[in-house]
Amino acid sequence: MKEVSFDFDRIGTEADFYKVAAQSLTLPEYFGNNLDALWDVLTGAIALPVSIRFINLTLGQLDKFGDIIQVFEDAQDELGDDFSFEYYLKKL
């Protein structure tokens, strides 16, 4: 299973997130950098199986990236055992 980690010490904005996602998940060039496009590629364009982790999230980032986190959680529900998603708060 491919493992992909997103380190939120290095991700400050949604634009940063989408740039890292495009590289880390090898997303197609037509990826649209929005929630609908994210759903489409997670459920139909990335190689499965995959395990994705968001690490070093602050409480502020948890709120700021809440919609993105929800898309990953929904994709996990949709795809079952082929798609694993977890996130971890930054240890202070």
PDB file of N, CA and C in Angstrom:
ATOM      1  N   MET A   1       0.852  -1.181   0.000  1.00  0.00           N
ATOM      2  CA  MET A   1       0.000   0.000   0.000  1.00  0.00           C
ATOM      3  C   MET A   1       0.895   1.241   0.000  1.00  0.00           C
ATOM      4  N   LYS A   2       0.623   2.156  -0.900  1.00  0.00           N
ATOM      5  CA  LYS A   2       1.352   3.415  -0.950  1.00  0.00           C
ATOM      6  C   LYS A   2       0.976   4.265   0.258  1.00  0.00           C
ATOM      7  N   GLU A   3       1.983   4.900   0.876  1.00  0.00           N
ATOM      8  CA  GLU A   3       1.740   5.781   2.014  1.00  0.00           C
ATOM      9  C   GLU A   3       2.136   7.200   1.652  1.00  0.00           C
ATOM     10  N   VAL A   4       1.237   8.142   1.927  1.00  0.00           N
ATOM     11  CA  VAL A   4       1.472   9.553   1.625  1.00  0.00           C
ATOM     12  C   VAL A   4       1.198  10.369   2.879  1.00  0.00           C
ATOM     13  N   SER A   5       2.175  11.200   3.257  1.00  0.00           N
ATOM     14  CA  SER A   5       2.004  12.080   4.412  1.00  0.00           C
ATOM     15  C   SER A   5       2.023  13.531   3.979  1.00  0.00           C
ATOM     16  N   PHE A   6       1.130  14.298   4.557  1.00  0.00           N
ATOM     17  CA  PHE A   6       1.086  15.739   4.357  1.00  0.00           C
ATOM     18  C   PHE A   6       1.520  16.386   5.667  1.00  0.00           C
ATOM     19  N   ASP A   7       2.654  17.075   5.669  1.00  0.00           N
ATOM     20  CA  ASP A   7       3.188  17.698   6.872  1.00  0.00           C
ATOM     21  C   ASP A   7       2.714  19.151   6.935  1.00  0.00           C
ATOM     22  N   PHE A   8       1.809  19.421   7.854  1.00  0.00           N
ATOM     23  CA  PHE A   8       1.218  20.752   7.933  1.00  0.00           C
ATOM     24  C   PHE A   8       2.128  21.783   8.587  1.00  0.00           C
ATOM     25  N   ASP A   9       3.338  21.384   8.969  1.00  0.00           N
ATOM     26  CA  ASP A   9       4.358  22.379   9.308  1.00  0.00           C
ATOM     27  C   ASP A   9       4.796  23.112   8.043  1.00  0.00           C
ATOM     28  N   ARG A  10       4.562  22.485   6.899  1.00  0.00           N
ATOM     29  CA  ARG A  10       4.979  23.052   5.609  1.00  0.00           C
ATOM     30  C   ARG A  10       3.803  23.487   4.734  1.00  0.00           C
ATOM     31  N   ILE A  11       2.608  23.378   5.260  1.00  0.00           N
ATOM     32  CA  ILE A  11       1.407  23.741   4.503  1.00  0.00           C
ATOM     33  C   ILE A  11       0.675  24.819   5.293  1.00  0.00           C
ATOM     34  N   GLY A  12       0.580  26.025   4.716  1.00  0.00           N
ATOM     35  CA  GLY A  12      -0.053  27.126   5.426  1.00  0.00           C
ATOM     36  C   GLY A  12      -1.363  27.585   4.824  1.00  0.00           C
ATOM     37  N   THR A  13      -1.509  27.350   3.513  1.00  0.00           N
ATOM     38  CA  THR A  13      -2.698  27.822   2.809  1.00  0.00           C
ATOM     39  C   THR A  13      -3.316  26.679   2.008  1.00  0.00           C
ATOM     40  N   GLU A  14      -4.535  26.892   1.540  1.00  0.00           N
ATOM     41  CA  GLU A  14      -5.156  25.898   0.674  1.00  0.00           C
ATOM     42  C   GLU A  14      -4.359  25.739  -0.618  1.00  0.00           C
ATOM     43  N   ALA A  15      -3.821  26.835  -1.141  1.00  0.00           N
ATOM     44  CA  ALA A  15      -3.004  26.753  -2.352  1.00  0.00           C
ATOM     45  C   ALA A  15      -1.784  25.862  -2.111  1.00  0.00           C
ATOM     46  N   ASP A  16      -1.157  26.010  -0.931  1.00  0.00           N
ATOM     47  CA  ASP A  16      -0.031  25.135  -0.574  1.00  0.00           C
ATOM     48  C   ASP A  16      -0.486  23.683  -0.547  1.00  0.00           C
ATOM     49  N   PHE A  17      -1.634  23.441   0.074  1.00  0.00           N
ATOM     50  CA  PHE A  17      -2.129  22.070   0.179  1.00  0.00           C
ATOM     51  C   PHE A  17      -2.339  21.455  -1.209  1.00  0.00           C
ATOM     52  N   TYR A  18      -3.014  22.186  -2.091  1.00  0.00           N
ATOM     53  CA  TYR A  18      -3.305  21.631  -3.411  1.00  0.00           C
ATOM     54  C   TYR A  18      -2.026  21.388  -4.212  1.00  0.00           C
ATOM     55  N   LYS A  19      -1.028  22.238  -4.031  1.00  0.00           N
ATOM     56  CA  LYS A  19       0.250  22.042  -4.725  1.00  0.00           C
ATOM     57  C   LYS A  19       0.925  20.761  -4.236  1.00  0.00           C
ATOM     58  N   VAL A  20       0.954  20.577  -2.919  1.00  0.00           N
ATOM     59  CA  VAL A  20       1.546  19.371  -2.346  1.00  0.00           C
ATOM     60  C   VAL A  20       0.739  18.136  -2.747  1.00  0.00           C
ATOM     61  N   ALA A  21      -0.585  18.244  -2.728  1.00  0.00           N
ATOM     62  CA  ALA A  21      -1.442  17.114  -3.101  1.00  0.00           C
ATOM     63  C   ALA A  21      -1.193  16.694  -4.545  1.00  0.00           C
ATOM     64  N   ALA A  22      -1.085  17.659  -5.444  1.00  0.00           N
ATOM     65  CA  ALA A  22      -0.857  17.352  -6.856  1.00  0.00           C
ATOM     66  C   ALA A  22       0.438  16.574  -7.038  1.00  0.00           C
ATOM     67  N   GLN A  23       1.470  16.967  -6.283  1.00  0.00           N
ATOM     68  CA  GLN A  23       2.759  16.278  -6.381  1.00  0.00           C
ATOM     69  C   GLN A  23       2.733  14.931  -5.671  1.00  0.00           C
ATOM     70  N   SER A  24       2.258  14.908  -4.447  1.00  0.00           N
ATOM     71  CA  SER A  24       2.318  13.702  -3.618  1.00  0.00           C
ATOM     72  C   SER A  24       1.422  12.579  -4.126  1.00  0.00           C
ATOM     73  N   LEU A  25       0.277  12.946  -4.663  1.00  0.00           N
ATOM     74  CA  LEU A  25      -0.688  11.944  -5.133  1.00  0.00           C
ATOM     75  C   LEU A  25      -0.638  11.736  -6.642  1.00  0.00           C
ATOM     76  N   THR A  26       0.295  12.417  -7.300  1.00  0.00           N
ATOM     77  CA  THR A  26       0.446  12.338  -8.751  1.00  0.00           C
ATOM     78  C   THR A  26      -0.895  12.585  -9.446  1.00  0.00           C
ATOM     79  N   LEU A  27      -1.453  13.751  -9.161  1.00  0.00           N
ATOM     80  CA  LEU A  27      -2.763  14.092  -9.718  1.00  0.00           C
ATOM     81  C   LEU A  27      -2.625  14.517 -11.181  1.00  0.00           C
ATOM     82  N   PRO A  28      -3.674  14.311 -11.961  1.00  0.00           N
ATOM     83  CA  PRO A  28      -3.631  14.692 -13.372  1.00  0.00           C
ATOM     84  C   PRO A  28      -3.526  16.210 -13.542  1.00  0.00           C
ATOM     85  N   GLU A  29      -2.998  16.626 -14.675  1.00  0.00           N
ATOM     86  CA  GLU A  29      -2.800  18.056 -14.942  1.00  0.00           C
ATOM     87  C   GLU A  29      -4.101  18.848 -14.894  1.00  0.00           C
ATOM     88  N   TYR A  30      -5.209  18.213 -15.199  1.00  0.00           N
ATOM     89  CA  TYR A  30      -6.494  18.920 -15.220  1.00  0.00           C
ATOM     90  C   TYR A  30      -7.082  19.139 -13.823  1.00  0.00           C
ATOM     91  N   PHE A  31      -6.396  18.687 -12.776  1.00  0.00           N
ATOM     92  CA  PHE A  31      -6.896  18.852 -11.415  1.00  0.00           C
ATOM     93  C   PHE A  31      -7.196  20.315 -11.147  1.00  0.00           C
ATOM     94  N   GLY A  32      -8.378  20.601 -10.583  1.00  0.00           N
ATOM     95  CA  GLY A  32      -8.881  21.958 -10.485  1.00  0.00           C
ATOM     96  C   GLY A  32      -8.666  22.706  -9.185  1.00  0.00           C
ATOM     97  N   ASN A  33      -7.915  22.161  -8.231  1.00  0.00           N
ATOM     98  CA  ASN A  33      -7.603  22.867  -6.985  1.00  0.00           C
ATOM     99  C   ASN A  33      -8.837  23.370  -6.240  1.00  0.00           C
ATOM    100  N   ASN A  34      -9.835  22.511  -6.102  1.00  0.00           N
ATOM    101  CA  ASN A  34     -11.022  22.837  -5.315  1.00  0.00           C
ATOM    102  C   ASN A  34     -11.586  21.536  -4.738  1.00  0.00           C
ATOM    103  N   LEU A  35     -12.559  21.656  -3.864  1.00  0.00           N
ATOM    104  CA  LEU A  35     -13.088  20.485  -3.162  1.00  0.00           C
ATOM    105  C   LEU A  35     -13.739  19.471  -4.091  1.00  0.00           C
ATOM    106  N   ASP A  36     -14.489  19.943  -5.080  1.00  0.00           N
ATOM    107  CA  ASP A  36     -15.128  19.014  -6.016  1.00  0.00           C
ATOM    108  C   ASP A  36     -14.093  18.243  -6.817  1.00  0.00           C
ATOM    109  N   ALA A  37     -13.071  18.945  -7.282  1.00  0.00           N
ATOM    110  CA  ALA A  37     -12.003  18.289  -8.039  1.00  0.00           C
ATOM    111  C   ALA A  37     -11.246  17.309  -7.144  1.00  0.00           C
ATOM    112  N   LEU A  38     -11.038  17.683  -5.881  1.00  0.00           N
ATOM    113  CA  LEU A  38     -10.359  16.795  -4.944  1.00  0.00           C
ATOM    114  C   LEU A  38     -11.149  15.502  -4.778  1.00  0.00           C
ATOM    115  N   TRP A  39     -12.444  15.622  -4.580  1.00  0.00           N
ATOM    116  CA  TRP A  39     -13.301  14.428  -4.467  1.00  0.00           C
ATOM    117  C   TRP A  39     -13.174  13.560  -5.712  1.00  0.00           C
ATOM    118  N   ASP A  40     -13.251  14.181  -6.872  1.00  0.00           N
ATOM    119  CA  ASP A  40     -13.191  13.425  -8.130  1.00  0.00           C
ATOM    120  C   ASP A  40     -11.894  12.637  -8.268  1.00  0.00           C
ATOM    121  N   VAL A  41     -10.759  13.261  -7.939  1.00  0.00           N
ATOM    122  CA  VAL A  41      -9.491  12.541  -8.102  1.00  0.00           C
ATOM    123  C   VAL A  41      -9.288  11.493  -7.009  1.00  0.00           C
ATOM    124  N   LEU A  42      -9.737  11.785  -5.797  1.00  0.00           N
ATOM    125  CA  LEU A  42      -9.570  10.797  -4.735  1.00  0.00           C
ATOM    126  C   LEU A  42     -10.385   9.544  -5.004  1.00  0.00           C
ATOM    127  N   THR A  43     -11.555   9.707  -5.587  1.00  0.00           N
ATOM    128  CA  THR A  43     -12.435   8.557  -5.803  1.00  0.00           C
ATOM    129  C   THR A  43     -12.347   7.978  -7.211  1.00  0.00           C
ATOM    130  N   GLY A  44     -11.472   8.543  -8.050  1.00  0.00           N
ATOM    131  CA  GLY A  44     -11.430   7.987  -9.395  1.00  0.00           C
ATOM    132  C   GLY A  44     -10.142   8.134 -10.170  1.00  0.00           C
ATOM    133  N   ALA A  45      -9.156   8.858  -9.644  1.00  0.00           N
ATOM    134  CA  ALA A  45      -7.970   9.095 -10.468  1.00  0.00           C
ATOM    135  C   ALA A  45      -6.647   8.750  -9.795  1.00  0.00           C
ATOM    136  N   ILE A  46      -6.656   8.386  -8.516  1.00  0.00           N
ATOM    137  CA  ILE A  46      -5.397   8.046  -7.867  1.00  0.00           C
ATOM    138  C   ILE A  46      -5.254   6.535  -7.775  1.00  0.00           C
ATOM    139  N   ALA A  47      -4.005   6.098  -7.692  1.00  0.00           N
ATOM    140  CA  ALA A  47      -3.727   4.670  -7.580  1.00  0.00           C
ATOM    141  C   ALA A  47      -4.096   4.179  -6.185  1.00  0.00           C
ATOM    142  N   LEU A  48      -4.836   3.114  -6.143  1.00  0.00           N
ATOM    143  CA  LEU A  48      -5.230   2.477  -4.894  1.00  0.00           C
ATOM    144  C   LEU A  48      -4.537   1.124  -4.799  1.00  0.00           C
ATOM    145  N   PRO A  49      -4.288   0.621  -3.629  1.00  0.00           N
ATOM    146  CA  PRO A  49      -4.627   1.161  -2.320  1.00  0.00           C
ATOM    147  C   PRO A  49      -3.645   2.254  -1.887  1.00  0.00           C
ATOM    148  N   VAL A  50      -4.120   3.121  -1.007  1.00  0.00           N
ATOM    149  CA  VAL A  50      -3.299   4.220  -0.509  1.00  0.00           C
ATOM    150  C   VAL A  50      -3.667   4.524   0.942  1.00  0.00           C
ATOM    151  N   SER A  51      -2.652   4.908   1.691  1.00  0.00           N
ATOM    152  CA  SER A  51      -2.822   5.344   3.078  1.00  0.00           C
ATOM    153  C   SER A  51      -2.337   6.785   3.162  1.00  0.00           C
ATOM    154  N   ILE A  52      -3.210   7.678   3.613  1.00  0.00           N
ATOM    155  CA  ILE A  52      -2.891   9.109   3.649  1.00  0.00           C
ATOM    156  C   ILE A  52      -2.958   9.592   5.088  1.00  0.00           C
ATOM    157  N   ARG A  53      -1.926  10.350   5.472  1.00  0.00           N
ATOM    158  CA  ARG A  53      -1.890  10.916   6.817  1.00  0.00           C
ATOM    159  C   ARG A  53      -1.606  12.402   6.739  1.00  0.00           C
ATOM    160  N   PHE A  54      -2.356  13.157   7.510  1.00  0.00           N
ATOM    161  CA  PHE A  54      -2.072  14.573   7.733  1.00  0.00           C
ATOM    162  C   PHE A  54      -1.390  14.647   9.094  1.00  0.00           C
ATOM    163  N   ILE A  55      -0.192  15.213   9.136  1.00  0.00           N
ATOM    164  CA  ILE A  55       0.534  15.288  10.401  1.00  0.00           C
ATOM    165  C   ILE A  55       0.828  16.747  10.758  1.00  0.00           C
ATOM    166  N   ASN A  56       1.035  16.967  12.048  1.00  0.00           N
ATOM    167  CA  ASN A  56       1.407  18.280  12.579  1.00  0.00           C
ATOM    168  C   ASN A  56       0.344  19.355  12.360  1.00  0.00           C
ATOM    169  N   LEU A  57      -0.916  18.968  12.394  1.00  0.00           N
ATOM    170  CA  LEU A  57      -1.999  19.951  12.306  1.00  0.00           C
ATOM    171  C   LEU A  57      -2.132  20.696  13.628  1.00  0.00           C
ATOM    172  N   THR A  58      -2.259  22.009  13.568  1.00  0.00           N
ATOM    173  CA  THR A  58      -2.595  22.788  14.749  1.00  0.00           C
ATOM    174  C   THR A  58      -4.116  22.847  14.849  1.00  0.00           C
ATOM    175  N   LEU A  59      -4.614  23.289  15.982  1.00  0.00           N
ATOM    176  CA  LEU A  59      -6.070  23.425  16.110  1.00  0.00           C
ATOM    177  C   LEU A  59      -6.612  24.425  15.096  1.00  0.00           C
ATOM    178  N   GLY A  60      -5.870  25.497  14.839  1.00  0.00           N
ATOM    179  CA  GLY A  60      -6.286  26.473  13.836  1.00  0.00           C
ATOM    180  C   GLY A  60      -6.346  25.866  12.445  1.00  0.00           C
ATOM    181  N   GLN A  61      -5.365  25.038  12.118  1.00  0.00           N
ATOM    182  CA  GLN A  61      -5.364  24.372  10.811  1.00  0.00           C
ATOM    183  C   GLN A  61      -6.475  23.339  10.724  1.00  0.00           C
ATOM    184  N   LEU A  62      -6.777  22.695  11.826  1.00  0.00           N
ATOM    185  CA  LEU A  62      -7.866  21.727  11.834  1.00  0.00           C
ATOM    186  C   LEU A  62      -9.159  22.400  11.405  1.00  0.00           C
ATOM    187  N   ASP A  63      -9.372  23.617  11.875  1.00  0.00           N
ATOM    188  CA  ASP A  63     -10.548  24.394  11.475  1.00  0.00           C
ATOM    189  C   ASP A  63     -10.406  24.900  10.038  1.00  0.00           C
ATOM    190  N   LYS A  64      -9.254  25.458   9.720  1.00  0.00           N
ATOM    191  CA  LYS A  64      -9.012  26.045   8.401  1.00  0.00           C
ATOM    192  C   LYS A  64      -9.126  25.017   7.271  1.00  0.00           C
ATOM    193  N   PHE A  65      -8.650  23.803   7.519  1.00  0.00           N
ATOM    194  CA  PHE A  65      -8.655  22.756   6.496  1.00  0.00           C
ATOM    195  C   PHE A  65      -9.760  21.727   6.741  1.00  0.00           C
ATOM    196  N   GLY A  66     -10.755  22.097   7.533  1.00  0.00           N
ATOM    197  CA  GLY A  66     -11.833  21.175   7.881  1.00  0.00           C
ATOM    198  C   GLY A  66     -12.577  20.611   6.690  1.00  0.00           C
ATOM    199  N   ASP A  67     -12.850  21.436   5.690  1.00  0.00           N
ATOM    200  CA  ASP A  67     -13.574  20.950   4.510  1.00  0.00           C
ATOM    201  C   ASP A  67     -12.737  19.941   3.725  1.00  0.00           C
ATOM    202  N   ILE A  68     -11.441  20.187   3.640  1.00  0.00           N
ATOM    203  CA  ILE A  68     -10.547  19.250   2.947  1.00  0.00           C
ATOM    204  C   ILE A  68     -10.482  17.934   3.718  1.00  0.00           C
ATOM    205  N   ILE A  69     -10.349  18.019   5.030  1.00  0.00           N
ATOM    206  CA  ILE A  69     -10.333  16.814   5.856  1.00  0.00           C
ATOM    207  C   ILE A  69     -11.622  16.023   5.655  1.00  0.00           C
ATOM    208  N   GLN A  70     -12.746  16.713   5.589  1.00  0.00           N
ATOM    209  CA  GLN A  70     -14.031  16.038   5.383  1.00  0.00           C
ATOM    210  C   GLN A  70     -14.072  15.292   4.054  1.00  0.00           C
ATOM    211  N   VAL A  71     -13.495  15.866   3.013  1.00  0.00           N
ATOM    212  CA  VAL A  71     -13.452  15.186   1.706  1.00  0.00           C
ATOM    213  C   VAL A  71     -12.650  13.889   1.822  1.00  0.00           C
ATOM    214  N   PHE A  72     -11.518  13.934   2.525  1.00  0.00           N
ATOM    215  CA  PHE A  72     -10.721  12.722   2.709  1.00  0.00           C
ATOM    216  C   PHE A  72     -11.477  11.687   3.539  1.00  0.00           C
ATOM    217  N   GLU A  73     -12.176  12.113   4.572  1.00  0.00           N
ATOM    218  CA  GLU A  73     -12.966  11.180   5.384  1.00  0.00           C
ATOM    219  C   GLU A  73     -14.102  10.570   4.566  1.00  0.00           C
ATOM    220  N   ASP A  74     -14.753  11.380   3.745  1.00  0.00           N
ATOM    221  CA  ASP A  74     -15.823  10.866   2.885  1.00  0.00           C
ATOM    222  C   ASP A  74     -15.276   9.876   1.858  1.00  0.00           C
ATOM    223  N   ALA A  75     -14.096  10.168   1.317  1.00  0.00           N
ATOM    224  CA  ALA A  75     -13.471   9.248   0.360  1.00  0.00           C
ATOM    225  C   ALA A  75     -13.155   7.920   1.028  1.00  0.00           C
ATOM    226  N   GLN A  76     -12.697   7.979   2.279  1.00  0.00           N
ATOM    227  CA  GLN A  76     -12.432   6.744   3.016  1.00  0.00           C
ATOM    228  C   GLN A  76     -13.710   5.930   3.175  1.00  0.00           C
ATOM    229  N   ASP A  77     -14.810   6.591   3.508  1.00  0.00           N
ATOM    230  CA  ASP A  77     -16.094   5.896   3.634  1.00  0.00           C
ATOM    231  C   ASP A  77     -16.519   5.277   2.302  1.00  0.00           C
ATOM    232  N   GLU A  78     -16.293   6.003   1.230  1.00  0.00           N
ATOM    233  CA  GLU A  78     -16.701   5.553  -0.109  1.00  0.00           C
ATOM    234  C   GLU A  78     -15.852   4.385  -0.614  1.00  0.00           C
ATOM    235  N   LEU A  79     -14.534   4.441  -0.368  1.00  0.00           N
ATOM    236  CA  LEU A  79     -13.614   3.488  -0.983  1.00  0.00           C
ATOM    237  C   LEU A  79     -13.255   2.297  -0.095  1.00  0.00           C
ATOM    238  N   GLY A  80     -13.581   2.374   1.170  1.00  0.00           N
ATOM    239  CA  GLY A  80     -13.347   1.238   2.064  1.00  0.00           C
ATOM    240  C   GLY A  80     -11.874   0.951   2.309  1.00  0.00           C
ATOM    241  N   ASP A  81     -11.524  -0.334   2.282  1.00  0.00           N
ATOM    242  CA  ASP A  81     -10.186  -0.776   2.667  1.00  0.00           C
ATOM    243  C   ASP A  81      -9.080  -0.308   1.737  1.00  0.00           C
ATOM    244  N   ASP A  82      -9.401   0.134   0.547  1.00  0.00           N
ATOM    245  CA  ASP A  82      -8.381   0.587  -0.397  1.00  0.00           C
ATOM    246  C   ASP A  82      -7.898   2.008  -0.113  1.00  0.00           C
ATOM    247  N   PHE A  83      -8.570   2.704   0.790  1.00  0.00           N
ATOM    248  CA  PHE A  83      -8.243   4.101   1.068  1.00  0.00           C
ATOM    249  C   PHE A  83      -8.278   4.327   2.573  1.00  0.00           C
ATOM    250  N   SER A  84      -7.128   4.624   3.133  1.00  0.00           N
ATOM    251  CA  SER A  84      -7.025   4.864   4.568  1.00  0.00           C
ATOM    252  C   SER A  84      -6.647   6.326   4.792  1.00  0.00           C
ATOM    253  N   PHE A  85      -7.324   6.979   5.739  1.00  0.00           N
ATOM    254  CA  PHE A  85      -7.028   8.377   6.043  1.00  0.00           C
ATOM    255  C   PHE A  85      -7.015   8.591   7.550  1.00  0.00           C
ATOM    256  N   GLU A  86      -5.969   9.287   8.014  1.00  0.00           N
ATOM    257  CA  GLU A  86      -5.856   9.661   9.425  1.00  0.00           C
ATOM    258  C   GLU A  86      -5.241  11.042   9.503  1.00  0.00           C
ATOM    259  N   TYR A  87      -5.543  11.744  10.583  1.00  0.00           N
ATOM    260  CA  TYR A  87      -4.851  13.013  10.818  1.00  0.00           C
ATOM    261  C   TYR A  87      -4.440  13.096  12.271  1.00  0.00           C
ATOM    262  N   TYR A  88      -3.348  13.834  12.480  1.00  0.00           N
ATOM    263  CA  TYR A  88      -2.753  13.940  13.803  1.00  0.00           C
ATOM    264  C   TYR A  88      -2.466  15.393  14.130  1.00  0.00           C
ATOM    265  N   LEU A  89      -2.816  15.784  15.344  1.00  0.00           N
ATOM    266  CA  LEU A  89      -2.523  17.136  15.803  1.00  0.00           C
ATOM    267  C   LEU A  89      -1.056  17.235  16.194  1.00  0.00           C
ATOM    268  N   LYS A  90      -0.532  18.418  16.042  1.00  0.00           N
ATOM    269  CA  LYS A  90       0.859  18.699  16.386  1.00  0.00           C
ATOM    270  C   LYS A  90       1.031  18.619  17.898  1.00  0.00           C
ATOM    271  N   LYS A  91       2.087  17.943  18.302  1.00  0.00           N
ATOM    272  CA  LYS A  91       2.398  17.847  19.724  1.00  0.00           C
ATOM    273  C   LYS A  91       3.083  19.136  20.158  1.00  0.00           C
ATOM    274  N   LEU A  92       2.599  19.690  21.245  1.00  0.00           N
ATOM    275  CA  LEU A  92       3.185  20.943  21.740  1.00  0.00           C
ATOM    276  C   LEU A  92       4.138  20.696  22.871  1.00  0.00           C
TER     277      LEU A  92
END
